[in-house]
């Protein structure tokens, strides 16, 4: 990997972390569990103590907020 590629990757990581920081914690946790750790909706619901429907709504809202913050 070239130094420029590494710099771009580090920059992207910082942008992603900044965007995630702008998402409320109750929405941030499901998106991290799903996107980064590969948990299913059922597993996330059991982990955070809510229904699968609530997890879907939180993921929908978190993705929308993430896109807005990342742009």
PDB file of N, CA and C in Angstrom:
ATOM      1  N   UNK A   1       0.851  -1.171   0.000  1.00  0.00           N
ATOM      2  CA  UNK A   1       0.000   0.000   0.000  1.00  0.00           C
ATOM      3  C   UNK A   1       0.899   1.237   0.000  1.00  0.00           C
ATOM      4  N   UNK A   2       0.584   2.165  -0.845  1.00  0.00           N
ATOM      5  CA  UNK A   2       1.400   3.371  -0.938  1.00  0.00           C
ATOM      6  C   UNK A   2       1.088   4.322   0.224  1.00  0.00           C
ATOM      7  N   UNK A   3       2.013   5.234   0.517  1.00  0.00           N
ATOM      8  CA  UNK A   3       1.749   6.199   1.594  1.00  0.00           C
ATOM      9  C   UNK A   3       0.494   7.030   1.352  1.00  0.00           C
ATOM     10  N   UNK A   4       0.218   7.337   0.096  1.00  0.00           N
ATOM     11  CA  UNK A   4      -0.988   8.115  -0.227  1.00  0.00           C
ATOM     12  C   UNK A   4      -2.236   7.302   0.088  1.00  0.00           C
ATOM     13  N   UNK A   5      -2.230   6.003  -0.248  1.00  0.00           N
ATOM     14  CA  UNK A   5      -3.386   5.138   0.041  1.00  0.00           C
ATOM     15  C   UNK A   5      -3.637   5.052   1.540  1.00  0.00           C
ATOM     16  N   UNK A   6      -2.553   4.925   2.298  1.00  0.00           N
ATOM     17  CA  UNK A   6      -2.690   4.842   3.751  1.00  0.00           C
ATOM     18  C   UNK A   6      -3.266   6.151   4.285  1.00  0.00           C
ATOM     19  N   UNK A   7      -2.799   7.269   3.777  1.00  0.00           N
ATOM     20  CA  UNK A   7      -3.301   8.571   4.220  1.00  0.00           C
ATOM     21  C   UNK A   7      -4.787   8.726   3.917  1.00  0.00           C
ATOM     22  N   UNK A   8      -5.199   8.283   2.734  1.00  0.00           N
ATOM     23  CA  UNK A   8      -6.617   8.352   2.365  1.00  0.00           C
ATOM     24  C   UNK A   8      -7.442   7.449   3.272  1.00  0.00           C
ATOM     25  N   UNK A   9      -6.939   6.251   3.538  1.00  0.00           N
ATOM     26  CA  UNK A   9      -7.665   5.317   4.394  1.00  0.00           C
ATOM     27  C   UNK A   9      -7.814   5.883   5.806  1.00  0.00           C
ATOM     28  N   UNK A  10      -6.765   6.470   6.336  1.00  0.00           N
ATOM     29  CA  UNK A  10      -6.826   7.069   7.670  1.00  0.00           C
ATOM     30  C   UNK A  10      -7.812   8.231   7.678  1.00  0.00           C
ATOM     31  N   UNK A  11      -7.792   9.024   6.619  1.00  0.00           N
ATOM     32  CA  UNK A  11      -8.717  10.151   6.504  1.00  0.00           C
ATOM     33  C   UNK A  11     -10.163   9.660   6.463  1.00  0.00           C
ATOM     34  N   UNK A  12     -10.420   8.614   5.674  1.00  0.00           N
ATOM     35  CA  UNK A  12     -11.774   8.056   5.593  1.00  0.00           C
ATOM     36  C   UNK A  12     -12.226   7.523   6.948  1.00  0.00           C
ATOM     37  N   UNK A  13     -11.335   6.867   7.653  1.00  0.00           N
ATOM     38  CA  UNK A  13     -11.671   6.332   8.967  1.00  0.00           C
ATOM     39  C   UNK A  13     -12.062   7.454   9.921  1.00  0.00           C
ATOM     40  N   UNK A  14     -11.324   8.548   9.880  1.00  0.00           N
ATOM     41  CA  UNK A  14     -11.642   9.690  10.738  1.00  0.00           C
ATOM     42  C   UNK A  14     -13.000  10.283  10.373  1.00  0.00           C
ATOM     43  N   UNK A  15     -13.305  10.377   9.074  1.00  0.00           N
ATOM     44  CA  UNK A  15     -14.601  10.906   8.640  1.00  0.00           C
ATOM     45  C   UNK A  15     -15.744  10.001   9.099  1.00  0.00           C
ATOM     46  N   UNK A  16     -15.528   8.702   9.006  1.00  0.00           N
ATOM     47  CA  UNK A  16     -16.549   7.739   9.437  1.00  0.00           C
ATOM     48  C   UNK A  16     -16.781   7.860  10.941  1.00  0.00           C
ATOM     49  N   UNK A  17     -15.698   7.948  11.702  1.00  0.00           N
ATOM     50  CA  UNK A  17     -15.835   8.078  13.157  1.00  0.00           C
ATOM     51  C   UNK A  17     -16.543   9.378  13.526  1.00  0.00           C
ATOM     52  N   UNK A  18     -16.218  10.455  12.831  1.00  0.00           N
ATOM     53  CA  UNK A  18     -16.896  11.731  13.093  1.00  0.00           C
ATOM     54  C   UNK A  18     -18.387  11.641  12.780  1.00  0.00           C
ATOM     55  N   UNK A  19     -18.726  10.995  11.663  1.00  0.00           N
ATOM     56  CA  UNK A  19     -20.134  10.847  11.285  1.00  0.00           C
ATOM     57  C   UNK A  19     -20.875   9.992  12.309  1.00  0.00           C
ATOM     58  N   UNK A  20     -20.247   8.901  12.746  1.00  0.00           N
ATOM     59  CA  UNK A  20     -20.879   8.044  13.751  1.00  0.00           C
ATOM     60  C   UNK A  20     -21.081   8.778  15.072  1.00  0.00           C
ATOM     61  N   UNK A  21     -20.161   9.652  15.423  1.00  0.00           N
ATOM     62  CA  UNK A  21     -20.263  10.400  16.673  1.00  0.00           C
ATOM     63  C   UNK A  21     -21.463  11.345  16.680  1.00  0.00           C
ATOM     64  N   UNK A  22     -21.946  11.705  15.496  1.00  0.00           N
ATOM     65  CA  UNK A  22     -23.088  12.618  15.399  1.00  0.00           C
ATOM     66  C   UNK A  22     -24.441  11.898  15.515  1.00  0.00           C
ATOM     67  N   UNK A  23     -24.406  10.580  15.536  1.00  0.00           N
ATOM     68  CA  UNK A  23     -25.632   9.787  15.637  1.00  0.00           C
ATOM     69  C   UNK A  23     -25.924   9.538  17.114  1.00  0.00           C
ATOM     70  N   UNK A  24     -27.179   9.716  17.546  1.00  0.00           N
ATOM     71  CA  UNK A  24     -27.513   9.462  18.953  1.00  0.00           C
ATOM     72  C   UNK A  24     -27.138   8.021  19.352  1.00  0.00           C
ATOM     73  N   UNK A  25     -26.677   7.831  20.580  1.00  0.00           N
ATOM     74  CA  UNK A  25     -26.221   6.506  21.023  1.00  0.00           C
ATOM     75  C   UNK A  25     -27.231   5.375  20.807  1.00  0.00           C
ATOM     76  N   UNK A  26     -28.533   5.656  21.010  1.00  0.00           N
ATOM     77  CA  UNK A  26     -29.539   4.591  20.851  1.00  0.00           C
ATOM     78  C   UNK A  26     -29.678   4.154  19.388  1.00  0.00           C
ATOM     79  N   UNK A  27     -29.197   4.962  18.448  1.00  0.00           N
ATOM     80  CA  UNK A  27     -29.186   4.582  17.031  1.00  0.00           C
ATOM     81  C   UNK A  27     -27.784   4.127  16.602  1.00  0.00           C
ATOM     82  N   UNK A  28     -26.776   4.659  17.241  1.00  0.00           N
ATOM     83  CA  UNK A  28     -25.389   4.325  16.877  1.00  0.00           C
ATOM     84  C   UNK A  28     -25.070   2.866  17.176  1.00  0.00           C
ATOM     85  N   UNK A  29     -25.483   2.380  18.343  1.00  0.00           N
ATOM     86  CA  UNK A  29     -25.165   1.011  18.727  1.00  0.00           C
ATOM     87  C   UNK A  29     -25.698  -0.016  17.729  1.00  0.00           C
ATOM     88  N   UNK A  30     -26.970   0.052  17.317  1.00  0.00           N
ATOM     89  CA  UNK A  30     -27.441  -0.925  16.338  1.00  0.00           C
ATOM     90  C   UNK A  30     -26.675  -0.889  15.010  1.00  0.00           C
ATOM     91  N   UNK A  31     -26.307   0.302  14.540  1.00  0.00           N
ATOM     92  CA  UNK A  31     -25.600   0.359  13.261  1.00  0.00           C
ATOM     93  C   UNK A  31     -24.194  -0.222  13.389  1.00  0.00           C
ATOM     94  N   UNK A  32     -23.557  -0.006  14.525  1.00  0.00           N
ATOM     95  CA  UNK A  32     -22.231  -0.591  14.737  1.00  0.00           C
ATOM     96  C   UNK A  32     -22.330  -2.108  14.850  1.00  0.00           C
ATOM     97  N   UNK A  33     -23.302  -2.580  15.621  1.00  0.00           N
ATOM     98  CA  UNK A  33     -23.471  -4.022  15.777  1.00  0.00           C
ATOM     99  C   UNK A  33     -23.790  -4.702  14.451  1.00  0.00           C
ATOM    100  N   UNK A  34     -24.586  -4.044  13.630  1.00  0.00           N
ATOM    101  CA  UNK A  34     -24.995  -4.645  12.360  1.00  0.00           C
ATOM    102  C   UNK A  34     -23.915  -4.507  11.278  1.00  0.00           C
ATOM    103  N   UNK A  35     -23.461  -3.287  11.043  1.00  0.00           N
ATOM    104  CA  UNK A  35     -22.545  -3.029   9.931  1.00  0.00           C
ATOM    105  C   UNK A  35     -21.118  -3.488  10.200  1.00  0.00           C
ATOM    106  N   UNK A  36     -20.646  -3.308  11.413  1.00  0.00           N
ATOM    107  CA  UNK A  36     -19.244  -3.601  11.698  1.00  0.00           C
ATOM    108  C   UNK A  36     -19.020  -4.955  12.352  1.00  0.00           C
ATOM    109  N   UNK A  37     -20.006  -5.434  13.095  1.00  0.00           N
ATOM    110  CA  UNK A  37     -19.820  -6.694  13.788  1.00  0.00           C
ATOM    111  C   UNK A  37     -20.666  -7.824  13.217  1.00  0.00           C
ATOM    112  N   UNK A  38     -21.532  -7.514  12.258  1.00  0.00           N
ATOM    113  CA  UNK A  38     -22.283  -8.537  11.542  1.00  0.00           C
ATOM    114  C   UNK A  38     -23.412  -9.206  12.305  1.00  0.00           C
ATOM    115  N   UNK A  39     -23.915  -8.575  13.352  1.00  0.00           N
ATOM    116  CA  UNK A  39     -25.018  -9.167  14.117  1.00  0.00           C
ATOM    117  C   UNK A  39     -26.326  -9.073  13.325  1.00  0.00           C
ATOM    118  N   UNK A  40     -27.186 -10.057  13.537  1.00  0.00           N
ATOM    119  CA  UNK A  40     -28.502 -10.058  12.900  1.00  0.00           C
ATOM    120  C   UNK A  40     -29.438  -9.120  13.663  1.00  0.00           C
ATOM    121  N   UNK A  41     -30.576  -8.824  13.042  1.00  0.00           N
ATOM    122  CA  UNK A  41     -31.581  -7.976  13.697  1.00  0.00           C
ATOM    123  C   UNK A  41     -32.030  -8.617  15.013  1.00  0.00           C
ATOM    124  N   UNK A  42     -32.237  -9.926  15.001  1.00  0.00           N
ATOM    125  CA  UNK A  42     -32.665 -10.638  16.203  1.00  0.00           C
ATOM    126  C   UNK A  42     -31.618 -10.526  17.301  1.00  0.00           C
ATOM    127  N   UNK A  43     -30.345 -10.714  16.947  1.00  0.00           N
ATOM    128  CA  UNK A  43     -29.279 -10.618  17.942  1.00  0.00           C
ATOM    129  C   UNK A  43     -29.186  -9.207  18.535  1.00  0.00           C
ATOM    130  N   UNK A  44     -29.334  -8.210  17.674  1.00  0.00           N
ATOM    131  CA  UNK A  44     -29.282  -6.825  18.154  1.00  0.00           C
ATOM    132  C   UNK A  44     -30.460  -6.554  19.088  1.00  0.00           C
ATOM    133  N   UNK A  45     -31.641  -7.019  18.702  1.00  0.00           N
ATOM    134  CA  UNK A  45     -32.836  -6.817  19.538  1.00  0.00           C
ATOM    135  C   UNK A  45     -32.642  -7.440  20.916  1.00  0.00           C
ATOM    136  N   UNK A  46     -32.085  -8.644  20.950  1.00  0.00           N
ATOM    137  CA  UNK A  46     -31.846  -9.312  22.233  1.00  0.00           C
ATOM    138  C   UNK A  46     -30.784  -8.569  23.046  1.00  0.00           C
ATOM    139  N   UNK A  47     -29.756  -8.074  22.374  1.00  0.00           N
ATOM    140  CA  UNK A  47     -28.661  -7.385  23.057  1.00  0.00           C
ATOM    141  C   UNK A  47     -29.109  -6.079  23.702  1.00  0.00           C
ATOM    142  N   UNK A  48     -29.902  -5.307  22.955  1.00  0.00           N
ATOM    143  CA  UNK A  48     -30.284  -3.991  23.489  1.00  0.00           C
ATOM    144  C   UNK A  48     -31.669  -3.992  24.145  1.00  0.00           C
ATOM    145  N   UNK A  49     -32.337  -5.127  24.102  1.00  0.00           N
ATOM    146  CA  UNK A  49     -33.609  -5.260  24.808  1.00  0.00           C
ATOM    147  C   UNK A  49     -34.781  -4.557  24.149  1.00  0.00           C
ATOM    148  N   UNK A  50     -34.923  -4.733  22.851  1.00  0.00           N
ATOM    149  CA  UNK A  50     -36.080  -4.167  22.154  1.00  0.00           C
ATOM    150  C   UNK A  50     -36.529  -5.149  21.074  1.00  0.00           C
ATOM    151  N   UNK A  51     -37.541  -4.773  20.312  1.00  0.00           N
ATOM    152  CA  UNK A  51     -38.071  -5.646  19.272  1.00  0.00           C
ATOM    153  C   UNK A  51     -37.254  -5.517  17.985  1.00  0.00           C
ATOM    154  N   UNK A  52     -37.408  -6.497  17.095  1.00  0.00           N
ATOM    155  CA  UNK A  52     -36.742  -6.421  15.788  1.00  0.00           C
ATOM    156  C   UNK A  52     -37.245  -5.219  14.996  1.00  0.00           C
ATOM    157  N   UNK A  53     -38.519  -4.899  15.149  1.00  0.00           N
ATOM    158  CA  UNK A  53     -39.087  -3.740  14.464  1.00  0.00           C
ATOM    159  C   UNK A  53     -38.404  -2.453  14.932  1.00  0.00           C
ATOM    160  N   UNK A  54     -38.166  -2.349  16.227  1.00  0.00           N
ATOM    161  CA  UNK A  54     -37.478  -1.170  16.760  1.00  0.00           C
ATOM    162  C   UNK A  54     -36.045  -1.091  16.234  1.00  0.00           C
ATOM    163  N   UNK A  55     -35.385  -2.239  16.128  1.00  0.00           N
ATOM    164  CA  UNK A  55     -34.022  -2.268  15.584  1.00  0.00           C
ATOM    165  C   UNK A  55     -34.029  -1.785  14.136  1.00  0.00           C
ATOM    166  N   UNK A  56     -34.994  -2.247  13.352  1.00  0.00           N
ATOM    167  CA  UNK A  56     -35.084  -1.815  11.947  1.00  0.00           C
ATOM    168  C   UNK A  56     -35.268  -0.306  11.841  1.00  0.00           C
ATOM    169  N   UNK A  57     -36.131   0.240  12.694  1.00  0.00           N
ATOM    170  CA  UNK A  57     -36.353   1.694  12.677  1.00  0.00           C
ATOM    171  C   UNK A  57     -35.094   2.447  13.087  1.00  0.00           C
ATOM    172  N   UNK A  58     -34.424   1.957  14.117  1.00  0.00           N
ATOM    173  CA  UNK A  58     -33.198   2.619  14.567  1.00  0.00           C
ATOM    174  C   UNK A  58     -32.120   2.561  13.486  1.00  0.00           C
ATOM    175  N   UNK A  59     -32.018   1.434  12.801  1.00  0.00           N
ATOM    176  CA  UNK A  59     -31.039   1.315  11.712  1.00  0.00           C
ATOM    177  C   UNK A  59     -31.393   2.258  10.565  1.00  0.00           C
ATOM    178  N   UNK A  60     -32.661   2.334  10.224  1.00  0.00           N
ATOM    179  CA  UNK A  60     -33.100   3.240   9.163  1.00  0.00           C
ATOM    180  C   UNK A  60     -32.719   4.681   9.496  1.00  0.00           C
ATOM    181  N   UNK A  61     -33.027   5.092  10.711  1.00  0.00           N
ATOM    182  CA  UNK A  61     -32.721   6.467  11.132  1.00  0.00           C
ATOM    183  C   UNK A  61     -31.217   6.708  11.226  1.00  0.00           C
ATOM    184  N   UNK A  62     -30.505   5.716  11.744  1.00  0.00           N
ATOM    185  CA  UNK A  62     -29.053   5.857  11.880  1.00  0.00           C
ATOM    186  C   UNK A  62     -28.382   5.976  10.521  1.00  0.00           C
ATOM    187  N   UNK A  63     -28.817   5.179   9.562  1.00  0.00           N
ATOM    188  CA  UNK A  63     -28.244   5.264   8.209  1.00  0.00           C
ATOM    189  C   UNK A  63     -28.510   6.623   7.584  1.00  0.00           C
ATOM    190  N   UNK A  64     -29.712   7.128   7.772  1.00  0.00           N
ATOM    191  CA  UNK A  64     -30.064   8.435   7.223  1.00  0.00           C
ATOM    192  C   UNK A  64     -29.196   9.527   7.860  1.00  0.00           C
ATOM    193  N   UNK A  65     -29.052   9.480   9.173  1.00  0.00           N
ATOM    194  CA  UNK A  65     -28.207  10.465   9.865  1.00  0.00           C
ATOM    195  C   UNK A  65     -26.741  10.320   9.449  1.00  0.00           C
ATOM    196  N   UNK A  66     -26.296   9.071   9.302  1.00  0.00           N
ATOM    197  CA  UNK A  66     -24.898   8.838   8.909  1.00  0.00           C
ATOM    198  C   UNK A  66     -24.627   9.425   7.536  1.00  0.00           C
ATOM    199  N   UNK A  67     -25.511   9.168   6.582  1.00  0.00           N
ATOM    200  CA  UNK A  67     -25.320   9.720   5.227  1.00  0.00           C
ATOM    201  C   UNK A  67     -25.250  11.243   5.261  1.00  0.00           C
ATOM    202  N   UNK A  68     -26.118  11.852   6.028  1.00  0.00           N
ATOM    203  CA  UNK A  68     -26.130  13.323   6.118  1.00  0.00           C
ATOM    204  C   UNK A  68     -24.838  13.838   6.750  1.00  0.00           C
ATOM    205  N   UNK A  69     -24.362  13.164   7.791  1.00  0.00           N
ATOM    206  CA  UNK A  69     -23.154  13.611   8.487  1.00  0.00           C
ATOM    207  C   UNK A  69     -21.896  13.335   7.685  1.00  0.00           C
ATOM    208  N   UNK A  70     -21.901  12.257   6.917  1.00  0.00           N
ATOM    209  CA  UNK A  70     -20.704  11.848   6.167  1.00  0.00           C
ATOM    210  C   UNK A  70     -20.484  12.720   4.925  1.00  0.00           C
ATOM    211  N   UNK A  71     -21.563  13.255   4.381  1.00  0.00           N
ATOM    212  CA  UNK A  71     -21.433  14.076   3.167  1.00  0.00           C
ATOM    213  C   UNK A  71     -20.843  15.360   3.494  1.00  0.00           C
TER     214      UNK A  71
END
